[in-house]
C-alpha atoms as a PDB file:
ATOM      1  CA  UNK A   1       0.000   0.000   0.000  1.00  0.00           C
ATOM      2  CA  UNK A   2       2.884   2.341   0.711  1.00  0.00           C
ATOM      3  CA  UNK A   3       4.150   2.088  -2.873  1.00  0.00           C
ATOM      4  CA  UNK A   4       0.711   3.078  -4.165  1.00  0.00           C
ATOM      5  CA  UNK A   5       0.685   6.127  -1.867  1.00  0.00           C
ATOM      6  CA  UNK A   6       4.103   7.181  -3.150  1.00  0.00           C
ATOM      7  CA  UNK A   7       3.014   6.795  -6.775  1.00  0.00           C
ATOM      8  CA  UNK A   8      -0.196   8.714  -6.125  1.00  0.00           C
ATOM      9  CA  UNK A   9       1.760  11.528  -4.458  1.00  0.00           C
ATOM     10  CA  UNK A  10       4.180  11.716  -7.376  1.00  0.00           C
ATOM     11  CA  UNK A  11       1.299  11.771  -9.853  1.00  0.00           C
ATOM     12  CA  UNK A  12      -0.343  14.619  -7.920  1.00  0.00           C
ATOM     13  CA  UNK A  13       2.933  16.583  -7.945  1.00  0.00           C
ATOM     14  CA  UNK A  14       3.257  16.171 -11.711  1.00  0.00           C
ATOM     15  CA  UNK A  15      -0.359  17.209 -12.217  1.00  0.00           C
ATOM     16  CA  UNK A  16       0.207  20.379 -10.170  1.00  0.00           C
ATOM     17  CA  UNK A  17       3.248  21.218 -12.298  1.00  0.00           C
ATOM     18  CA  UNK A  18       1.190  20.638 -15.440  1.00  0.00           C
ATOM     19  CA  UNK A  19      -1.518  22.963 -14.071  1.00  0.00           C
ATOM     20  CA  UNK A  20       1.008  25.795 -13.833  1.00  0.00           C
ATOM     21  CA  UNK A  21       2.090  25.223 -17.445  1.00  0.00           C
ATOM     22  CA  UNK A  22      -1.497  25.048 -18.689  1.00  0.00           C
ATOM     23  CA  UNK A  23      -2.311  28.293 -16.891  1.00  0.00           C
ATOM     24  CA  UNK A  24       0.631  29.996 -18.589  1.00  0.00           C
ATOM     25  CA  UNK A  25      -0.636  28.739 -21.957  1.00  0.00           C
ATOM     26  CA  UNK A  26      -4.191  29.923 -21.227  1.00  0.00           C
ATOM     27  CA  UNK A  27      -5.381  26.355 -21.777  1.00  0.00           C
ATOM     28  CA  UNK A  28      -8.326  26.772 -19.423  1.00  0.00           C
ATOM     29  CA  UNK A  29     -10.340  23.749 -20.494  1.00  0.00           C
ATOM     30  CA  UNK A  30      -7.388  21.387 -20.096  1.00  0.00           C
ATOM     31  CA  UNK A  31      -6.581  22.943 -16.718  1.00  0.00           C
ATOM     32  CA  UNK A  32     -10.153  22.405 -15.531  1.00  0.00           C
ATOM     33  CA  UNK A  33     -10.011  18.733 -16.445  1.00  0.00           C
ATOM     34  CA  UNK A  34      -6.664  18.297 -14.752  1.00  0.00           C
ATOM     35  CA  UNK A  35      -7.934  20.024 -11.607  1.00  0.00           C
ATOM     36  CA  UNK A  36     -10.948  17.723 -11.665  1.00  0.00           C
ATOM     37  CA  UNK A  37      -8.636  14.709 -11.807  1.00  0.00           C
ATOM     38  CA  UNK A  38      -6.654  16.054  -8.838  1.00  0.00           C
ATOM     39  CA  UNK A  39      -9.854  16.540  -6.863  1.00  0.00           C
ATOM     40  CA  UNK A  40     -10.929  12.985  -7.641  1.00  0.00           C
ATOM     41  CA  UNK A  41      -7.593  11.621  -6.453  1.00  0.00           C
ATOM     42  CA  UNK A  42      -8.023  13.383  -3.107  1.00  0.00           C
ATOM     43  CA  UNK A  43     -11.348  11.671  -2.455  1.00  0.00           C
ATOM     44  CA  UNK A  44     -11.298   8.396  -0.581  1.00  0.00           C
ATOM     45  CA  UNK A  45     -14.047   6.882  -2.703  1.00  0.00           C
ATOM     46  CA  UNK A  46     -14.268   7.865  -6.322  1.00  0.00           C
ATOM     47  CA  UNK A  47     -17.657   7.635  -7.949  1.00  0.00           C
ATOM     48  CA  UNK A  48     -17.136   5.878 -11.241  1.00  0.00           C
ATOM     49  CA  UNK A  49     -20.578   6.497 -12.674  1.00  0.00           C
ATOM     50  CA  UNK A  50     -22.814   9.512 -12.466  1.00  0.00           C
ATOM     51  CA  UNK A  51     -26.472   8.713 -12.133  1.00  0.00           C
ATOM     52  CA  UNK A  52     -29.068  11.021 -13.587  1.00  0.00           C
ATOM     53  CA  UNK A  53     -32.613  10.851 -12.286  1.00  0.00           C
ATOM     54  CA  UNK A  54     -34.817   8.618 -14.393  1.00  0.00           C
ATOM     55  CA  UNK A  55     -37.316  10.446 -16.558  1.00  0.00           C
ATOM     56  CA  UNK A  56     -40.774   9.139 -17.175  1.00  0.00           C
ATOM     57  CA  UNK A  57     -41.595   8.329 -20.780  1.00  0.00           C
ATOM     58  CA  UNK A  58     -45.059   9.429 -21.801  1.00  0.00           C
END
């Protein structure tokens, strides 16, 4: 488990560095997606599927 924590920490560091570069390039959309990935990594449980409310068919 420790190796996974180290790899996850390294990945987060690289993603933060990439965020700085994307900001300098004004690549806002890419930066948003990268920030989203960082936020997901911080969560203990990652939801893999979003569920929309079911709509009634008439």
